[in-house]
Amino acid sequence: MITTRFAPSPTGYLHIGGLRTALFSWLWARKNSGKFLLRIEDTDLSRNSDEALEAILKAFDWVGMSYDGDAIYQSKRFDIYAKYIDQLLEEGKAYKCYMTKDELTALREEQMAQGERTRYDGRYRDFTGTPPEGVEPVIRIKAPLDGNIIFDDGIKGEICISASEVDDFVIARAGGVPTYNFVVAIDDALMGLTDVIRGDDHLYNTPKQIVVYEALGFNMPKFYHVAMINNEQGKKLSKRDGATDVMEYKTLGYLPEALLNFLVRLGWSHGDQEIFSVEEMIELFDPKDINKSSSNYNLDKLL
């Protein structure tokens, strides 16, 4: 069964680019009589906003994009993440790193002075000595030391990243708080996702998530990385251009069906057809038909 998701962070309002990504995921699930899941990525407790969360849920309700089951909140799943961190440590696939911030800064400065790419040097990867006193470690996962990390993107084709570009990245900060790429990979796997449709600003998160999938023996979903929405000058869409709270379009008097039609045409097309009912979108949509290049936001086309 095709299972997709949308995973906003409740640190700000749902903007137009986020809703388009959610729409693509929703259409693909509905076309295949699958599941569309909502996950709230609220692990950054200091930045979460109840007001922003309410606005996200209201936006989904207004445009009629229902999700299956209850929303999943990452902040309620820390025990799950801790279990997998412990598992990786026990299996020797992750390790404690005692480098201080000052040591990391000195390492980066040295690498920059030598014209090298800044990266963690793996000094604690096989450490068996006595840990330094007074240093609370982070947890790093063991990434491949050589070869390539390859995946087939449903829009961009084969993506090949040198393993040397992926450090032994941190999966839990000092104090045990898990990091973004770690929890995303775990949740996508445990939620049974088959297809992940998201913005291509996440493209280089994918190799790190693949490292987590492989370390834990999880099945990897199919990825589709969607090009960003630009303004009419070809620059990344900003709040001044329309990357505002989706509910502002309701306040301005736009119909939800018109907004969805406008959004689906930002990067996807079917022949010369300009106007689609929601039912037609569901029938015709296929993520492999999403354009590889960015789309330009032109509010004049929102009828």
C-alpha atoms as a PDB file:
ATOM      1  CA  MET A   1       0.000   0.000   0.000  1.00  0.00           C
ATOM      2  CA  ILE A   2       1.285   3.450  -0.948  1.00  0.00           C
ATOM      3  CA  THR A   3       1.877   5.426   2.252  1.00  0.00           C
ATOM      4  CA  THR A   4       2.992   9.053   2.222  1.00  0.00           C
ATOM      5  CA  ARG A   5       3.320  11.767   4.826  1.00  0.00           C
ATOM      6  CA  PHE A   6       3.645  15.456   5.472  1.00  0.00           C
ATOM      7  CA  ALA A   7       5.845  16.456   8.378  1.00  0.00           C
ATOM      8  CA  PRO A   8       5.701  20.139   9.342  1.00  0.00           C
ATOM      9  CA  SER A   9       7.414  21.715  12.330  1.00  0.00           C
ATOM     10  CA  PRO A  10       5.106  23.839  14.534  1.00  0.00           C
ATOM     11  CA  THR A  11       7.612  26.673  14.690  1.00  0.00           C
ATOM     12  CA  GLY A  12       5.807  28.840  12.153  1.00  0.00           C
ATOM     13  CA  TYR A  13       2.732  28.976   9.975  1.00  0.00           C
ATOM     14  CA  LEU A  14       2.138  26.594   7.066  1.00  0.00           C
ATOM     15  CA  HIS A  15       3.300  28.445   3.961  1.00  0.00           C
ATOM     16  CA  ILE A  16       2.403  27.941   0.340  1.00  0.00           C
ATOM     17  CA  GLY A  17       5.438  25.788  -0.495  1.00  0.00           C
ATOM     18  CA  GLY A  18       4.698  23.451   2.390  1.00  0.00           C
ATOM     19  CA  LEU A  19       1.087  23.064   1.359  1.00  0.00           C
ATOM     20  CA  ARG A  20       2.139  22.212  -2.205  1.00  0.00           C
ATOM     21  CA  THR A  21       4.410  19.434  -0.916  1.00  0.00           C
ATOM     22  CA  ALA A  22       1.587  18.148   1.265  1.00  0.00           C
ATOM     23  CA  LEU A  23      -0.791  18.267  -1.708  1.00  0.00           C
ATOM     24  CA  PHE A  24       1.520  16.184  -3.893  1.00  0.00           C
ATOM     25  CA  SER A  25       1.849  13.594  -1.113  1.00  0.00           C
ATOM     26  CA  TRP A  26      -1.892  13.585  -0.452  1.00  0.00           C
ATOM     27  CA  LEU A  27      -2.796  13.182  -4.130  1.00  0.00           C
ATOM     28  CA  TRP A  28      -0.404  10.258  -4.592  1.00  0.00           C
ATOM     29  CA  ALA A  29      -1.829   8.435  -1.580  1.00  0.00           C
ATOM     30  CA  ARG A  30      -5.439   9.057  -2.585  1.00  0.00           C
ATOM     31  CA  LYS A  31      -4.805   8.023  -6.205  1.00  0.00           C
ATOM     32  CA  ASN A  32      -3.524   4.665  -4.977  1.00  0.00           C
ATOM     33  CA  SER A  33      -6.153   4.186  -2.227  1.00  0.00           C
ATOM     34  CA  GLY A  34      -3.256   4.413   0.190  1.00  0.00           C
ATOM     35  CA  LYS A  35      -2.567   6.299   3.396  1.00  0.00           C
ATOM     36  CA  PHE A  36      -1.587   9.914   3.917  1.00  0.00           C
ATOM     37  CA  LEU A  37      -0.113  10.516   7.366  1.00  0.00           C
ATOM     38  CA  LEU A  38       0.580  13.698   9.293  1.00  0.00           C
ATOM     39  CA  ARG A  39       3.640  13.878  11.525  1.00  0.00           C
ATOM     40  CA  ILE A  40       4.369  16.908  13.673  1.00  0.00           C
ATOM     41  CA  GLU A  41       8.124  17.379  14.002  1.00  0.00           C
ATOM     42  CA  ASP A  42       8.146  19.131  17.361  1.00  0.00           C
ATOM     43  CA  THR A  43      11.370  17.911  18.961  1.00  0.00           C
ATOM     44  CA  ASP A  44      12.681  21.488  19.249  1.00  0.00           C
ATOM     45  CA  LEU A  45      10.608  22.169  22.349  1.00  0.00           C
ATOM     46  CA  SER A  46      11.957  25.691  22.817  1.00  0.00           C
ATOM     47  CA  ARG A  47      10.670  26.845  19.413  1.00  0.00           C
ATOM     48  CA  ASN A  48       7.307  25.087  19.259  1.00  0.00           C
ATOM     49  CA  SER A  49       4.202  27.233  19.070  1.00  0.00           C
ATOM     50  CA  ASP A  50       0.671  26.082  19.905  1.00  0.00           C
ATOM     51  CA  GLU A  51      -0.597  28.866  17.677  1.00  0.00           C
ATOM     52  CA  ALA A  52       1.455  27.626  14.730  1.00  0.00           C
ATOM     53  CA  LEU A  53       0.279  24.035  15.267  1.00  0.00           C
ATOM     54  CA  GLU A  54      -3.350  25.151  15.351  1.00  0.00           C
ATOM     55  CA  ALA A  55      -2.845  27.123  12.137  1.00  0.00           C
ATOM     56  CA  ILE A  56      -1.361  24.061  10.375  1.00  0.00           C
ATOM     57  CA  LEU A  57      -4.314  21.877  11.392  1.00  0.00           C
ATOM     58  CA  LYS A  58      -6.815  24.574  10.395  1.00  0.00           C
ATOM     59  CA  ALA A  59      -5.183  24.897   6.976  1.00  0.00           C
ATOM     60  CA  PHE A  60      -5.550  21.169   6.323  1.00  0.00           C
ATOM     61  CA  ASP A  61      -9.178  21.317   7.375  1.00  0.00           C
ATOM     62  CA  TRP A  62      -9.904  24.337   5.182  1.00  0.00           C
ATOM     63  CA  VAL A  63      -8.468  22.859   1.975  1.00  0.00           C
ATOM     64  CA  GLY A  64     -10.094  19.479   2.669  1.00  0.00           C
ATOM     65  CA  MET A  65      -6.902  17.414   2.781  1.00  0.00           C
ATOM     66  CA  SER A  66      -7.774  14.825   5.379  1.00  0.00           C
ATOM     67  CA  TYR A  67      -5.057  12.630   6.850  1.00  0.00           C
ATOM     68  CA  ASP A  68      -5.412   9.050   8.005  1.00  0.00           C
ATOM     69  CA  GLY A  69      -5.398   8.184  11.686  1.00  0.00           C
ATOM     70  CA  ASP A  70      -4.158  10.538  14.364  1.00  0.00           C
ATOM     71  CA  ALA A  71      -1.346  13.010  13.872  1.00  0.00           C
ATOM     72  CA  ILE A  72       1.963  11.657  15.159  1.00  0.00           C
ATOM     73  CA  TYR A  73       3.995  13.914  17.457  1.00  0.00           C
ATOM     74  CA  GLN A  74       7.722  13.332  17.609  1.00  0.00           C
ATOM     75  CA  SER A  75       7.907  14.913  21.062  1.00  0.00           C
ATOM     76  CA  LYS A  76       5.998  11.899  22.388  1.00  0.00           C
ATOM     77  CA  ARG A  77       8.429   9.394  20.864  1.00  0.00           C
ATOM     78  CA  PHE A  78      11.727  10.137  22.633  1.00  0.00           C
ATOM     79  CA  ASP A  79      11.695   6.715  24.280  1.00  0.00           C
ATOM     80  CA  ILE A  80      11.542   5.086  20.836  1.00  0.00           C
ATOM     81  CA  TYR A  81      14.513   7.104  19.593  1.00  0.00           C
ATOM     82  CA  ALA A  82      16.496   6.318  22.763  1.00  0.00           C
ATOM     83  CA  LYS A  83      15.898   2.600  22.205  1.00  0.00           C
ATOM     84  CA  TYR A  84      17.415   2.733  18.734  1.00  0.00           C
ATOM     85  CA  ILE A  85      20.352   4.834  19.915  1.00  0.00           C
ATOM     86  CA  ASP A  86      21.086   2.184  22.539  1.00  0.00           C
ATOM     87  CA  GLN A  87      20.770  -0.537  19.908  1.00  0.00           C
ATOM     88  CA  LEU A  88      23.301   1.141  17.612  1.00  0.00           C
ATOM     89  CA  LEU A  89      25.724   1.645  20.492  1.00  0.00           C
ATOM     90  CA  GLU A  90      25.429  -2.003  21.535  1.00  0.00           C
ATOM     91  CA  GLU A  91      25.974  -3.192  17.959  1.00  0.00           C
ATOM     92  CA  GLY A  92      29.041  -0.975  17.510  1.00  0.00           C
ATOM     93  CA  LYS A  93      27.347   1.037  14.771  1.00  0.00           C
ATOM     94  CA  ALA A  94      27.441   4.245  16.783  1.00  0.00           C
ATOM     95  CA  TYR A  95      29.763   5.614  19.432  1.00  0.00           C
ATOM     96  CA  LYS A  96      30.233   8.312  22.027  1.00  0.00           C
ATOM     97  CA  CYS A  97      32.239  11.314  20.906  1.00  0.00           C
ATOM     98  CA  TYR A  98      33.866  13.490  23.563  1.00  0.00           C
ATOM     99  CA  MET A  99      35.136  16.321  21.390  1.00  0.00           C
ATOM    100  CA  THR A 100      34.436  19.714  22.934  1.00  0.00           C
ATOM    101  CA  LYS A 101      33.125  22.706  21.027  1.00  0.00           C
ATOM    102  CA  ASP A 102      36.549  24.312  21.272  1.00  0.00           C
ATOM    103  CA  GLU A 103      38.195  21.219  19.802  1.00  0.00           C
ATOM    104  CA  LEU A 104      35.680  21.116  16.959  1.00  0.00           C
ATOM    105  CA  THR A 105      36.252  24.801  16.262  1.00  0.00           C
ATOM    106  CA  ALA A 106      40.029  24.318  16.218  1.00  0.00           C
ATOM    107  CA  LEU A 107      39.675  21.344  13.859  1.00  0.00           C
ATOM    108  CA  ARG A 108      37.513  23.340  11.436  1.00  0.00           C
ATOM    109  CA  GLU A 109      39.912  26.294  11.483  1.00  0.00           C
ATOM    110  CA  GLU A 110      42.839  23.999  10.756  1.00  0.00           C
ATOM    111  CA  GLN A 111      41.001  22.336   7.873  1.00  0.00           C
ATOM    112  CA  MET A 112      39.970  25.691   6.425  1.00  0.00           C
ATOM    113  CA  ALA A 113      43.533  26.992   6.678  1.00  0.00           C
ATOM    114  CA  GLN A 114      44.683  23.981   4.659  1.00  0.00           C
ATOM    115  CA  GLY A 115      41.923  24.483   2.075  1.00  0.00           C
ATOM    116  CA  GLU A 116      40.156  21.280   3.102  1.00  0.00           C
ATOM    117  CA  ARG A 117      36.454  20.645   3.481  1.00  0.00           C
ATOM    118  CA  THR A 118      35.469  21.027   7.118  1.00  0.00           C
ATOM    119  CA  ARG A 119      34.382  17.750   8.648  1.00  0.00           C
ATOM    120  CA  TYR A 120      34.626  15.663  11.787  1.00  0.00           C
ATOM    121  CA  ASP A 121      37.808  13.588  11.670  1.00  0.00           C
ATOM    122  CA  GLY A 122      36.521  10.410  13.322  1.00  0.00           C
ATOM    123  CA  ARG A 123      38.963  10.558  16.231  1.00  0.00           C
ATOM    124  CA  TYR A 124      36.561   8.802  18.626  1.00  0.00           C
ATOM    125  CA  ARG A 125      35.262   6.257  16.109  1.00  0.00           C
ATOM    126  CA  ASP A 126      37.325   3.409  17.578  1.00  0.00           C
ATOM    127  CA  PHE A 127      38.169   4.965  20.934  1.00  0.00           C
ATOM    128  CA  THR A 128      38.720   2.471  23.762  1.00  0.00           C
ATOM    129  CA  GLY A 129      40.533   4.640  26.270  1.00  0.00           C
ATOM    130  CA  THR A 130      39.365   6.495  29.365  1.00  0.00           C
ATOM    131  CA  PRO A 131      36.823   9.222  28.526  1.00  0.00           C
ATOM    132  CA  PRO A 132      37.898  12.764  29.406  1.00  0.00           C
ATOM    133  CA  GLU A 133      36.395  14.053  32.627  1.00  0.00           C
ATOM    134  CA  GLY A 134      33.645  16.645  32.606  1.00  0.00           C
ATOM    135  CA  VAL A 135      32.694  16.178  28.953  1.00  0.00           C
ATOM    136  CA  GLU A 136      29.158  15.018  28.139  1.00  0.00           C
ATOM    137  CA  PRO A 137      29.408  13.087  24.877  1.00  0.00           C
ATOM    138  CA  VAL A 138      27.321  13.280  21.760  1.00  0.00           C
ATOM    139  CA  ILE A 139      26.448  10.082  19.882  1.00  0.00           C
ATOM    140  CA  ARG A 140      27.714   9.695  16.329  1.00  0.00           C
ATOM    141  CA  ILE A 141      26.707   7.014  13.856  1.00  0.00           C
ATOM    142  CA  LYS A 142      29.375   5.233  11.825  1.00  0.00           C
ATOM    143  CA  ALA A 143      28.980   6.308   8.224  1.00  0.00           C
ATOM    144  CA  PRO A 144      30.680   4.411   5.371  1.00  0.00           C
ATOM    145  CA  LEU A 145      34.370   5.271   5.006  1.00  0.00           C
ATOM    146  CA  ASP A 146      34.493   4.727   1.253  1.00  0.00           C
ATOM    147  CA  GLY A 147      32.335   4.053  -1.785  1.00  0.00           C
ATOM    148  CA  ASN A 148      29.174   5.920  -2.714  1.00  0.00           C
ATOM    149  CA  ILE A 149      25.688   6.328  -1.341  1.00  0.00           C
ATOM    150  CA  ILE A 150      23.312   5.901  -4.262  1.00  0.00           C
ATOM    151  CA  PHE A 151      19.540   6.228  -4.494  1.00  0.00           C
ATOM    152  CA  ASP A 152      17.031   6.617  -7.285  1.00  0.00           C
ATOM    153  CA  ASP A 153      15.044   9.803  -6.986  1.00  0.00           C
ATOM    154  CA  GLY A 154      11.639   9.632  -8.650  1.00  0.00           C
ATOM    155  CA  ILE A 155      12.056  13.140 -10.091  1.00  0.00           C
ATOM    156  CA  LYS A 156      15.789  13.764 -10.407  1.00  0.00           C
ATOM    157  CA  GLY A 157      16.922  10.256 -11.333  1.00  0.00           C
ATOM    158  CA  GLU A 158      19.946   8.510  -9.851  1.00  0.00           C
ATOM    159  CA  ILE A 159      21.701  10.468  -7.124  1.00  0.00           C
ATOM    160  CA  CYS A 160      25.237   9.449  -6.203  1.00  0.00           C
ATOM    161  CA  ILE A 161      26.969  10.971  -3.178  1.00  0.00           C
ATOM    162  CA  SER A 162      30.521  10.054  -2.202  1.00  0.00           C
ATOM    163  CA  ALA A 163      30.590   8.470   1.234  1.00  0.00           C
ATOM    164  CA  SER A 164      33.439  10.857   2.017  1.00  0.00           C
ATOM    165  CA  GLU A 165      30.880  13.665   1.952  1.00  0.00           C
ATOM    166  CA  VAL A 166      28.952  12.102   4.854  1.00  0.00           C
ATOM    167  CA  ASP A 167      30.709  12.393   8.206  1.00  0.00           C
ATOM    168  CA  ASP A 168      30.039  10.258  11.239  1.00  0.00           C
ATOM    169  CA  PHE A 169      27.202  12.661  11.986  1.00  0.00           C
ATOM    170  CA  VAL A 170      25.631  13.269  15.365  1.00  0.00           C
ATOM    171  CA  ILE A 171      22.437  11.311  16.054  1.00  0.00           C
ATOM    172  CA  ALA A 172      22.030  12.449  19.680  1.00  0.00           C
ATOM    173  CA  ARG A 173      23.271  15.674  21.228  1.00  0.00           C
ATOM    174  CA  ALA A 174      24.818  15.938  24.655  1.00  0.00           C
ATOM    175  CA  GLY A 175      21.972  15.224  27.041  1.00  0.00           C
ATOM    176  CA  GLY A 176      20.436  12.639  24.724  1.00  0.00           C
ATOM    177  CA  VAL A 177      18.220  14.788  22.477  1.00  0.00           C
ATOM    178  CA  PRO A 178      18.079  13.045  19.074  1.00  0.00           C
ATOM    179  CA  THR A 179      18.845  14.931  15.870  1.00  0.00           C
ATOM    180  CA  TYR A 180      16.660  15.642  12.867  1.00  0.00           C
ATOM    181  CA  ASN A 181      17.967  13.141  10.326  1.00  0.00           C
ATOM    182  CA  PHE A 182      17.968  10.338  12.872  1.00  0.00           C
ATOM    183  CA  VAL A 183      14.369  10.736  14.018  1.00  0.00           C
ATOM    184  CA  VAL A 184      13.077  11.343  10.488  1.00  0.00           C
ATOM    185  CA  ALA A 185      14.561   8.072   9.235  1.00  0.00           C
ATOM    186  CA  ILE A 186      13.217   6.110  12.208  1.00  0.00           C
ATOM    187  CA  ASP A 187       9.732   7.565  11.969  1.00  0.00           C
ATOM    188  CA  ASP A 188       9.500   7.173   8.203  1.00  0.00           C
ATOM    189  CA  ALA A 189      10.410   3.507   8.625  1.00  0.00           C
ATOM    190  CA  LEU A 190       8.151   2.785  11.597  1.00  0.00           C
ATOM    191  CA  MET A 191       5.226   4.581   9.955  1.00  0.00           C
ATOM    192  CA  GLY A 192       5.577   2.271   6.967  1.00  0.00           C
ATOM    193  CA  LEU A 193       6.217   4.984   4.426  1.00  0.00           C
ATOM    194  CA  THR A 194       6.663   3.778   0.877  1.00  0.00           C
ATOM    195  CA  ASP A 195       7.045   7.190  -0.788  1.00  0.00           C
ATOM    196  CA  VAL A 196       8.542  10.405   0.576  1.00  0.00           C
ATOM    197  CA  ILE A 197       7.745  13.526  -1.433  1.00  0.00           C
ATOM    198  CA  ARG A 198       9.505  16.622  -0.135  1.00  0.00           C
ATOM    199  CA  GLY A 199      11.348  19.766  -1.179  1.00  0.00           C
ATOM    200  CA  ASP A 200      14.770  19.408  -2.757  1.00  0.00           C
ATOM    201  CA  ASP A 201      16.225  21.459   0.078  1.00  0.00           C
ATOM    202  CA  HIS A 202      16.198  18.046   1.819  1.00  0.00           C
ATOM    203  CA  LEU A 203      18.142  16.328  -0.962  1.00  0.00           C
ATOM    204  CA  TYR A 204      21.407  16.216   0.964  1.00  0.00           C
ATOM    205  CA  ASN A 205      19.691  15.015   4.126  1.00  0.00           C
ATOM    206  CA  THR A 206      18.804  11.833   2.268  1.00  0.00           C
ATOM    207  CA  PRO A 207      22.285  10.180   2.323  1.00  0.00           C
ATOM    208  CA  LYS A 208      22.418  10.625   6.098  1.00  0.00           C
ATOM    209  CA  GLN A 209      18.970   9.103   6.472  1.00  0.00           C
ATOM    210  CA  ILE A 210      20.024   6.207   4.262  1.00  0.00           C
ATOM    211  CA  VAL A 211      22.941   5.573   6.646  1.00  0.00           C
ATOM    212  CA  VAL A 212      20.375   5.267   9.466  1.00  0.00           C
ATOM    213  CA  TYR A 213      18.106   2.982   7.407  1.00  0.00           C
ATOM    214  CA  GLU A 214      20.962   0.652   6.626  1.00  0.00           C
ATOM    215  CA  ALA A 215      22.382   0.618  10.146  1.00  0.00           C
ATOM    216  CA  LEU A 216      18.998  -0.407  11.561  1.00  0.00           C
ATOM    217  CA  GLY A 217      18.011  -2.748   8.724  1.00  0.00           C
ATOM    218  CA  PHE A 218      14.983  -0.663   7.716  1.00  0.00           C
ATOM    219  CA  ASN A 219      13.400  -0.683   4.281  1.00  0.00           C
ATOM    220  CA  MET A 220      14.047   2.543   2.413  1.00  0.00           C
ATOM    221  CA  PRO A 221      11.141   4.457   0.851  1.00  0.00           C
ATOM    222  CA  LYS A 222      11.096   5.878  -2.654  1.00  0.00           C
ATOM    223  CA  PHE A 223      12.206   9.515  -2.618  1.00  0.00           C
ATOM    224  CA  TYR A 224      10.874  12.366  -4.737  1.00  0.00           C
ATOM    225  CA  HIS A 225      12.627  15.712  -4.247  1.00  0.00           C
ATOM    226  CA  VAL A 226      10.563  18.605  -5.575  1.00  0.00           C
ATOM    227  CA  ALA A 227      12.236  21.774  -6.853  1.00  0.00           C
ATOM    228  CA  MET A 228      11.547  24.942  -4.893  1.00  0.00           C
ATOM    229  CA  ILE A 229       9.028  27.640  -5.792  1.00  0.00           C
ATOM    230  CA  ASN A 230      10.627  30.875  -6.986  1.00  0.00           C
ATOM    231  CA  ASN A 231       9.215  34.356  -7.247  1.00  0.00           C
ATOM    232  CA  GLU A 232       8.726  36.009 -10.643  1.00  0.00           C
ATOM    233  CA  GLN A 233      12.343  37.190 -10.580  1.00  0.00           C
ATOM    234  CA  GLY A 234      13.562  33.604 -10.267  1.00  0.00           C
ATOM    235  CA  LYS A 235      14.649  33.908  -6.636  1.00  0.00           C
ATOM    236  CA  LYS A 236      13.525  31.741  -3.739  1.00  0.00           C
ATOM    237  CA  LEU A 237       9.999  32.606  -2.685  1.00  0.00           C
ATOM    238  CA  SER A 238       9.912  34.751   0.446  1.00  0.00           C
ATOM    239  CA  LYS A 239       7.145  36.041   2.687  1.00  0.00           C
ATOM    240  CA  ARG A 240       7.029  39.238   0.645  1.00  0.00           C
ATOM    241  CA  ASP A 241       6.191  37.205  -2.451  1.00  0.00           C
ATOM    242  CA  GLY A 242       3.492  35.003  -0.936  1.00  0.00           C
ATOM    243  CA  ALA A 243       5.186  32.439   1.278  1.00  0.00           C
ATOM    244  CA  THR A 244       2.737  33.425   3.974  1.00  0.00           C
ATOM    245  CA  ASP A 245       0.273  31.627   6.194  1.00  0.00           C
ATOM    246  CA  VAL A 246      -2.022  29.534   4.005  1.00  0.00           C
ATOM    247  CA  MET A 247      -5.035  30.813   5.939  1.00  0.00           C
ATOM    248  CA  GLU A 248      -4.361  34.320   4.613  1.00  0.00           C
ATOM    249  CA  TYR A 249      -5.647  33.101   1.256  1.00  0.00           C
ATOM    250  CA  LYS A 250      -8.947  32.294   2.946  1.00  0.00           C
ATOM    251  CA  THR A 251      -9.036  35.771   4.457  1.00  0.00           C
ATOM    252  CA  LEU A 252      -8.430  37.227   0.982  1.00  0.00           C
ATOM    253  CA  GLY A 253     -11.492  35.375  -0.294  1.00  0.00           C
ATOM    254  CA  TYR A 254      -9.907  32.608  -2.351  1.00  0.00           C
ATOM    255  CA  LEU A 255     -11.692  29.273  -2.546  1.00  0.00           C
ATOM    256  CA  PRO A 256      -9.749  26.233  -1.357  1.00  0.00           C
ATOM    257  CA  GLU A 257     -10.376  24.449  -4.651  1.00  0.00           C
ATOM    258  CA  ALA A 258      -8.829  27.384  -6.523  1.00  0.00           C
ATOM    259  CA  LEU A 259      -5.789  27.385  -4.256  1.00  0.00           C
ATOM    260  CA  LEU A 260      -5.253  23.646  -4.717  1.00  0.00           C
ATOM    261  CA  ASN A 261      -5.545  24.014  -8.501  1.00  0.00           C
ATOM    262  CA  PHE A 262      -3.005  26.856  -8.393  1.00  0.00           C
ATOM    263  CA  LEU A 263      -0.607  24.789  -6.284  1.00  0.00           C
ATOM    264  CA  VAL A 264      -0.795  21.572  -8.283  1.00  0.00           C
ATOM    265  CA  ARG A 265       0.132  23.534 -11.410  1.00  0.00           C
ATOM    266  CA  LEU A 266       3.287  24.823  -9.677  1.00  0.00           C
ATOM    267  CA  GLY A 267       5.512  22.044 -10.912  1.00  0.00           C
ATOM    268  CA  TRP A 268       3.068  19.502 -12.338  1.00  0.00           C
ATOM    269  CA  SER A 269       1.035  19.483 -15.520  1.00  0.00           C
ATOM    270  CA  HIS A 270      -1.176  17.263 -17.631  1.00  0.00           C
ATOM    271  CA  GLY A 271      -1.119  18.271 -21.247  1.00  0.00           C
ATOM    272  CA  ASP A 272      -2.508  21.764 -21.811  1.00  0.00           C
ATOM    273  CA  GLN A 273      -5.160  21.491 -19.123  1.00  0.00           C
ATOM    274  CA  GLU A 274      -5.137  24.476 -16.779  1.00  0.00           C
ATOM    275  CA  ILE A 275      -8.038  23.822 -14.420  1.00  0.00           C
ATOM    276  CA  PHE A 276      -8.516  20.606 -12.460  1.00  0.00           C
ATOM    277  CA  SER A 277     -11.139  19.503 -10.013  1.00  0.00           C
ATOM    278  CA  VAL A 278      -9.793  17.713  -6.944  1.00  0.00           C
ATOM    279  CA  GLU A 279     -11.137  14.463  -8.366  1.00  0.00           C
ATOM    280  CA  GLU A 280      -9.229  15.049 -11.616  1.00  0.00           C
ATOM    281  CA  MET A 281      -6.045  15.805  -9.704  1.00  0.00           C
ATOM    282  CA  ILE A 282      -6.336  12.522  -7.849  1.00  0.00           C
ATOM    283  CA  GLU A 283      -7.009  10.601 -11.067  1.00  0.00           C
ATOM    284  CA  LEU A 284      -4.207  12.156 -13.125  1.00  0.00           C
ATOM    285  CA  PHE A 285      -1.421  12.949 -10.658  1.00  0.00           C
ATOM    286  CA  ASP A 286       1.841  11.012 -10.737  1.00  0.00           C
ATOM    287  CA  PRO A 287       4.953  12.336  -8.961  1.00  0.00           C
ATOM    288  CA  LYS A 288       7.210  11.168 -11.793  1.00  0.00           C
ATOM    289  CA  ASP A 289       5.587  13.923 -13.879  1.00  0.00           C
ATOM    290  CA  ILE A 290       6.702  16.694 -11.506  1.00  0.00           C
ATOM    291  CA  ASN A 291       9.063  19.130 -13.221  1.00  0.00           C
ATOM    292  CA  LYS A 292      12.747  18.925 -12.369  1.00  0.00           C
ATOM    293  CA  SER A 293      13.126  22.703 -12.509  1.00  0.00           C
ATOM    294  CA  SER A 294      11.746  25.301 -10.124  1.00  0.00           C
ATOM    295  CA  SER A 295       8.331  26.857 -10.647  1.00  0.00           C
ATOM    296  CA  ASN A 296       7.582  30.569 -10.569  1.00  0.00           C
ATOM    297  CA  TYR A 297       4.925  31.926  -8.259  1.00  0.00           C
ATOM    298  CA  ASN A 298       2.494  34.193 -10.123  1.00  0.00           C
ATOM    299  CA  LEU A 299      -0.523  35.160  -8.057  1.00  0.00           C
ATOM    300  CA  ASP A 300      -2.344  36.362 -11.187  1.00  0.00           C
ATOM    301  CA  LYS A 301      -2.895  32.694 -12.055  1.00  0.00           C
ATOM    302  CA  LEU A 302      -4.792  32.079  -8.824  1.00  0.00           C
ATOM    303  CA  LEU A 303      -8.382  32.423 -10.014  1.00  0.00           C
END
